[in-house]
Amino acid sequence: MPTLNWIGKEAVVNHHLQVPFHLLKDVPDLSCGDPGSGNLVV
């Protein structure tokens, strides 16, 4: 199967390993609508 290869591809493919993970936190003062409705705008 053909694949695309380019200079710097490995850095792009592995970029997600270098980005720190941050858990999103609820800020009730900035919220609107029914809590726990499942809707979320980030």
PDB file of N, CA and C in Angstrom:
ATOM      1  N   MET A   1       0.844  -1.176   0.000  1.00  0.00           N
ATOM      2  CA  MET A   1       0.000   0.000   0.000  1.00  0.00           C
ATOM      3  C   MET A   1       0.891   1.241   0.000  1.00  0.00           C
ATOM      4  N   PRO A   2       0.613   2.210  -0.865  1.00  0.00           N
ATOM      5  CA  PRO A   2       1.430   3.427  -0.913  1.00  0.00           C
ATOM      6  C   PRO A   2       1.264   4.273   0.346  1.00  0.00           C
ATOM      7  N   THR A   3       2.324   4.939   0.736  1.00  0.00           N
ATOM      8  CA  THR A   3       2.286   5.847   1.880  1.00  0.00           C
ATOM      9  C   THR A   3       2.940   7.171   1.487  1.00  0.00           C
ATOM     10  N   LEU A   4       2.556   8.213   2.182  1.00  0.00           N
ATOM     11  CA  LEU A   4       3.169   9.522   1.963  1.00  0.00           C
ATOM     12  C   LEU A   4       4.329   9.695   2.927  1.00  0.00           C
ATOM     13  N   ASN A   5       5.441  10.131   2.418  1.00  0.00           N
ATOM     14  CA  ASN A   5       6.623  10.404   3.237  1.00  0.00           C
ATOM     15  C   ASN A   5       7.143  11.788   2.895  1.00  0.00           C
ATOM     16  N   TRP A   6       7.561  12.530   3.919  1.00  0.00           N
ATOM     17  CA  TRP A   6       8.125  13.846   3.704  1.00  0.00           C
ATOM     18  C   TRP A   6       9.134  14.122   4.800  1.00  0.00           C
ATOM     19  N   ILE A   7       9.989  15.109   4.562  1.00  0.00           N
ATOM     20  CA  ILE A   7      10.996  15.495   5.537  1.00  0.00           C
ATOM     21  C   ILE A   7      10.288  16.057   6.759  1.00  0.00           C
ATOM     22  N   GLY A   8      10.574  15.533   7.928  1.00  0.00           N
ATOM     23  CA  GLY A   8       9.963  15.990   9.161  1.00  0.00           C
ATOM     24  C   GLY A   8       8.691  15.245   9.526  1.00  0.00           C
ATOM     25  N   LYS A   9       8.328  14.203   8.777  1.00  0.00           N
ATOM     26  CA  LYS A   9       7.096  13.461   9.054  1.00  0.00           C
ATOM     27  C   LYS A   9       7.115  12.836  10.445  1.00  0.00           C
ATOM     28  N   GLU A  10       8.228  12.297  10.864  1.00  0.00           N
ATOM     29  CA  GLU A  10       8.308  11.644  12.177  1.00  0.00           C
ATOM     30  C   GLU A  10       7.983  12.630  13.302  1.00  0.00           C
ATOM     31  N   ALA A  11       8.452  13.864  13.178  1.00  0.00           N
ATOM     32  CA  ALA A  11       8.163  14.876  14.199  1.00  0.00           C
ATOM     33  C   ALA A  11       6.667  15.185  14.246  1.00  0.00           C
ATOM     34  N   VAL A  12       6.013  15.199  13.105  1.00  0.00           N
ATOM     35  CA  VAL A  12       4.577  15.480  13.054  1.00  0.00           C
ATOM     36  C   VAL A  12       3.790  14.306  13.632  1.00  0.00           C
ATOM     37  N   VAL A  13       4.167  13.105  13.260  1.00  0.00           N
ATOM     38  CA  VAL A  13       3.453  11.910  13.708  1.00  0.00           C
ATOM     39  C   VAL A  13       3.582  11.724  15.215  1.00  0.00           C
ATOM     40  N   ASN A  14       4.720  12.083  15.781  1.00  0.00           N
ATOM     41  CA  ASN A  14       4.973  11.877  17.209  1.00  0.00           C
ATOM     42  C   ASN A  14       4.758  13.135  18.053  1.00  0.00           C
ATOM     43  N   HIS A  15       4.221  14.208  17.476  1.00  0.00           N
ATOM     44  CA  HIS A  15       4.044  15.473  18.195  1.00  0.00           C
ATOM     45  C   HIS A  15       3.147  15.314  19.417  1.00  0.00           C
ATOM     46  N   HIS A  16       2.123  14.487  19.336  1.00  0.00           N
ATOM     47  CA  HIS A  16       1.192  14.334  20.458  1.00  0.00           C
ATOM     48  C   HIS A  16       1.881  13.782  21.708  1.00  0.00           C
ATOM     49  N   LEU A  17       3.026  13.148  21.554  1.00  0.00           N
ATOM     50  CA  LEU A  17       3.757  12.614  22.706  1.00  0.00           C
ATOM     51  C   LEU A  17       4.459  13.710  23.495  1.00  0.00           C
ATOM     52  N   GLN A  18       4.669  14.878  22.874  1.00  0.00           N
ATOM     53  CA  GLN A  18       5.391  15.974  23.521  1.00  0.00           C
ATOM     54  C   GLN A  18       4.458  17.016  24.137  1.00  0.00           C
ATOM     55  N   VAL A  19       3.170  16.982  23.802  1.00  0.00           N
ATOM     56  CA  VAL A  19       2.213  17.958  24.312  1.00  0.00           C
ATOM     57  C   VAL A  19       1.697  17.481  25.664  1.00  0.00           C
ATOM     58  N   PRO A  20       1.812  18.307  26.711  1.00  0.00           N
ATOM     59  CA  PRO A  20       1.349  17.877  28.028  1.00  0.00           C
ATOM     60  C   PRO A  20      -0.169  17.728  28.072  1.00  0.00           C
ATOM     61  N   PHE A  21      -0.634  16.761  28.839  1.00  0.00           N
ATOM     62  CA  PHE A  21      -2.059  16.497  29.002  1.00  0.00           C
ATOM     63  C   PHE A  21      -2.602  17.367  30.120  1.00  0.00           C
ATOM     64  N   HIS A  22      -3.702  18.049  29.874  1.00  0.00           N
ATOM     65  CA  HIS A  22      -4.349  18.867  30.893  1.00  0.00           C
ATOM     66  C   HIS A  22      -5.814  18.465  30.971  1.00  0.00           C
ATOM     67  N   LEU A  23      -6.280  18.160  32.150  1.00  0.00           N
ATOM     68  CA  LEU A  23      -7.671  17.835  32.373  1.00  0.00           C
ATOM     69  C   LEU A  23      -8.491  19.126  32.391  1.00  0.00           C
ATOM     70  N   LEU A  24      -9.590  19.135  31.636  1.00  0.00           N
ATOM     71  CA  LEU A  24     -10.443  20.320  31.625  1.00  0.00           C
ATOM     72  C   LEU A  24     -11.219  20.401  32.921  1.00  0.00           C
ATOM     73  N   LYS A  25     -11.330  21.610  33.464  1.00  0.00           N
ATOM     74  CA  LYS A  25     -12.046  21.818  34.718  1.00  0.00           C
ATOM     75  C   LYS A  25     -13.282  22.657  34.461  1.00  0.00           C
ATOM     76  N   ASP A  26     -14.367  22.314  35.122  1.00  0.00           N
ATOM     77  CA  ASP A  26     -15.623  23.053  35.018  1.00  0.00           C
ATOM     78  C   ASP A  26     -15.500  24.368  35.779  1.00  0.00           C
ATOM     79  N   VAL A  27     -15.936  25.464  35.179  1.00  0.00           N
ATOM     80  CA  VAL A  27     -15.952  26.776  35.821  1.00  0.00           C
ATOM     81  C   VAL A  27     -17.414  27.210  35.890  1.00  0.00           C
ATOM     82  N   PRO A  28     -18.071  26.959  37.021  1.00  0.00           N
ATOM     83  CA  PRO A  28     -19.506  27.267  37.135  1.00  0.00           C
ATOM     84  C   PRO A  28     -19.861  28.725  36.848  1.00  0.00           C
ATOM     85  N   ASP A  29     -18.982  29.679  37.178  1.00  0.00           N
ATOM     86  CA  ASP A  29     -19.263  31.093  36.936  1.00  0.00           C
ATOM     87  C   ASP A  29     -19.375  31.417  35.444  1.00  0.00           C
ATOM     88  N   LEU A  30     -18.726  30.607  34.599  1.00  0.00           N
ATOM     89  CA  LEU A  30     -18.748  30.853  33.160  1.00  0.00           C
ATOM     90  C   LEU A  30     -19.729  29.928  32.439  1.00  0.00           C
ATOM     91  N   SER A  31     -20.442  29.115  33.187  1.00  0.00           N
ATOM     92  CA  SER A  31     -21.358  28.150  32.598  1.00  0.00           C
ATOM     93  C   SER A  31     -22.725  28.754  32.341  1.00  0.00           C
ATOM     94  N   CYS A  32     -23.448  28.148  31.414  1.00  0.00           N
ATOM     95  CA  CYS A  32     -24.835  28.511  31.170  1.00  0.00           C
ATOM     96  C   CYS A  32     -25.588  27.250  30.771  1.00  0.00           C
ATOM     97  N   GLY A  33     -26.880  27.253  30.948  1.00  0.00           N
ATOM     98  CA  GLY A  33     -27.674  26.075  30.614  1.00  0.00           C
ATOM     99  C   GLY A  33     -27.777  25.134  31.796  1.00  0.00           C
ATOM    100  N   ASP A  34     -28.347  23.968  31.555  1.00  0.00           N
ATOM    101  CA  ASP A  34     -28.550  22.980  32.601  1.00  0.00           C
ATOM    102  C   ASP A  34     -27.250  22.231  32.903  1.00  0.00           C
ATOM    103  N   PRO A  35     -26.829  22.206  34.170  1.00  0.00           N
ATOM    104  CA  PRO A  35     -25.628  21.436  34.521  1.00  0.00           C
ATOM    105  C   PRO A  35     -25.848  19.944  34.242  1.00  0.00           C
ATOM    106  N   GLY A  36     -24.837  19.312  33.725  1.00  0.00           N
ATOM    107  CA  GLY A  36     -24.919  17.878  33.453  1.00  0.00           C
ATOM    108  C   GLY A  36     -25.725  17.531  32.215  1.00  0.00           C
ATOM    109  N   SER A  37     -26.015  18.509  31.358  1.00  0.00           N
ATOM    110  CA  SER A  37     -26.809  18.226  30.156  1.00  0.00           C
ATOM    111  C   SER A  37     -25.988  17.502  29.088  1.00  0.00           C
ATOM    112  N   GLY A  38     -24.661  17.476  29.250  1.00  0.00           N
ATOM    113  CA  GLY A  38     -23.812  16.801  28.281  1.00  0.00           C
ATOM    114  C   GLY A  38     -23.301  17.705  27.170  1.00  0.00           C
ATOM    115  N   ASN A  39     -23.774  18.936  27.127  1.00  0.00           N
ATOM    116  CA  ASN A  39     -23.301  19.886  26.101  1.00  0.00           C
ATOM    117  C   ASN A  39     -22.073  20.611  26.624  1.00  0.00           C
ATOM    118  N   LEU A  40     -21.103  20.809  25.735  1.00  0.00           N
ATOM    119  CA  LEU A  40     -19.849  21.447  26.138  1.00  0.00           C
ATOM    120  C   LEU A  40     -19.274  22.232  24.974  1.00  0.00           C
ATOM    121  N   VAL A  41     -18.937  23.478  25.205  1.00  0.00           N
ATOM    122  CA  VAL A  41     -18.240  24.297  24.225  1.00  0.00           C
ATOM    123  C   VAL A  41     -16.888  24.636  24.828  1.00  0.00           C
ATOM    124  N   VAL A  42     -15.832  24.315  24.088  1.00  0.00           N
ATOM    125  CA  VAL A  42     -14.476  24.559  24.587  1.00  0.00           C
ATOM    126  C   VAL A  42     -13.878  25.676  23.781  1.00  0.00           C
TER     127      VAL A  42
END
